[in-house]
Amino acid sequence: VLHDHMPAACVGDAAFAYVNAFKAHAAVGFFRGADLPDPAKLLEGDGKAMRHVKLVPGKSVNDAALRALIAAAYADMRKRLGTK
């Protein structure tokens, strides 16, 4: 679905992650990213809730850590919604 004009991943109708493309990078963002565990320190941003991982061409990213963030964001939204 589109949420705030960006493709978003949802649990039911509740968006938990998004992707966005820019000239120099892409971003995988999390609407409640400030609440996510981030031991690999991938998340950027200093807003009240949202955080993102910047993906830059030619620069590697810790795939396992990014997958863990996505899984944690999904689980967090399910918990917030009270779904199993």
Protein backbone atom coordinates (compact mmCIF):
# COMPACT_ATOMS: atom_id res chain seq x y z
CA VAL A 1 0.00 0.00 0.00
CA LEU A 2 0.99 3.64 -0.21
CA HIS A 3 1.37 5.43 3.12
CA ASP A 4 2.53 9.07 3.12
CA HIS A 5 3.17 8.64 -0.65
CA MET A 6 5.64 5.78 -0.07
CA PRO A 7 5.28 2.03 -0.62
CA ALA A 8 4.69 0.56 2.82
CA ALA A 9 4.53 -2.85 4.48
CA CYS A 10 1.59 -3.35 6.82
CA VAL A 11 0.11 -5.60 9.45
CA GLY A 12 -3.54 -5.39 8.49
CA ASP A 13 -4.07 -1.68 7.87
CA ALA A 14 -1.21 -0.54 10.12
CA ALA A 15 2.00 0.42 8.30
CA PHE A 16 5.22 -0.59 10.03
CA ALA A 17 7.87 -0.05 7.32
CA TYR A 18 8.35 1.84 4.07
CA VAL A 19 10.77 2.22 1.20
CA ASN A 20 11.69 5.42 -0.56
CA ALA A 21 14.10 6.28 -3.38
CA PHE A 22 16.18 9.42 -3.71
CA LYS A 23 18.85 10.56 -6.21
CA ALA A 24 21.81 9.32 -4.18
CA HIS A 25 20.29 6.59 -2.00
CA ALA A 26 17.26 4.54 -1.05
CA ALA A 27 15.80 4.21 2.42
CA VAL A 28 14.09 1.43 4.30
CA GLY A 29 12.23 3.16 7.09
CA PHE A 30 10.28 2.17 10.14
CA PHE A 31 7.36 4.20 11.45
CA ARG A 32 8.15 3.16 15.05
CA GLY A 33 11.90 2.76 14.49
CA ALA A 34 12.89 4.65 17.63
CA ASP A 35 11.50 1.73 19.64
CA LEU A 36 13.43 -0.97 17.76
CA PRO A 37 16.57 -2.71 19.02
CA ASP A 38 19.46 -1.76 16.72
CA PRO A 39 22.68 -3.40 17.95
CA ALA A 40 24.31 -2.97 14.51
CA LYS A 41 23.57 0.80 14.61
CA LEU A 42 21.96 0.85 11.14
CA LEU A 43 19.12 3.21 11.99
CA GLU A 44 19.41 6.91 11.24
CA GLY A 45 17.20 9.80 12.24
CA ASP A 46 16.34 11.67 15.37
CA GLY A 47 12.59 12.12 15.17
CA LYS A 48 10.22 11.12 17.93
CA ALA A 49 9.28 7.79 16.31
CA MET A 50 10.58 7.23 12.78
CA ARG A 51 14.00 5.89 11.81
CA HIS A 52 15.47 4.66 8.51
CA VAL A 53 18.34 2.68 7.07
CA LYS A 54 20.09 4.44 4.21
CA LEU A 55 21.08 2.21 1.27
CA VAL A 56 23.81 3.78 -0.88
CA PRO A 57 24.91 2.26 -4.22
CA GLY A 58 28.31 0.61 -3.89
CA LYS A 59 28.18 0.61 -0.08
CA SER A 60 27.47 -2.71 1.59
CA VAL A 61 24.86 -3.09 4.30
CA ASN A 62 24.64 -5.68 7.04
CA ASP A 63 21.89 -7.81 5.48
CA ALA A 64 21.29 -9.89 8.61
CA ALA A 65 20.91 -6.77 10.75
CA LEU A 66 18.50 -5.20 8.25
CA ARG A 67 16.44 -8.40 8.17
CA ALA A 68 16.39 -8.39 11.98
CA LEU A 69 15.10 -4.79 11.99
CA ILE A 70 12.33 -5.67 9.56
CA ALA A 71 11.33 -8.71 11.63
CA ALA A 72 11.42 -6.66 14.85
CA ALA A 73 9.29 -3.90 13.32
CA TYR A 74 6.75 -6.46 12.10
CA ALA A 75 6.62 -8.18 15.50
CA ASP A 76 6.35 -4.82 17.27
CA MET A 77 3.35 -3.77 15.16
CA ARG A 78 1.64 -7.11 15.67
CA LYS A 79 2.13 -6.69 19.43
CA ARG A 80 0.77 -3.12 19.34
CA LEU A 81 -2.29 -4.38 17.46
CA GLY A 82 -2.74 -7.38 19.74
CA THR A 83 -2.48 -9.88 16.88
CA LYS A 84 -0.66 -13.22 16.94
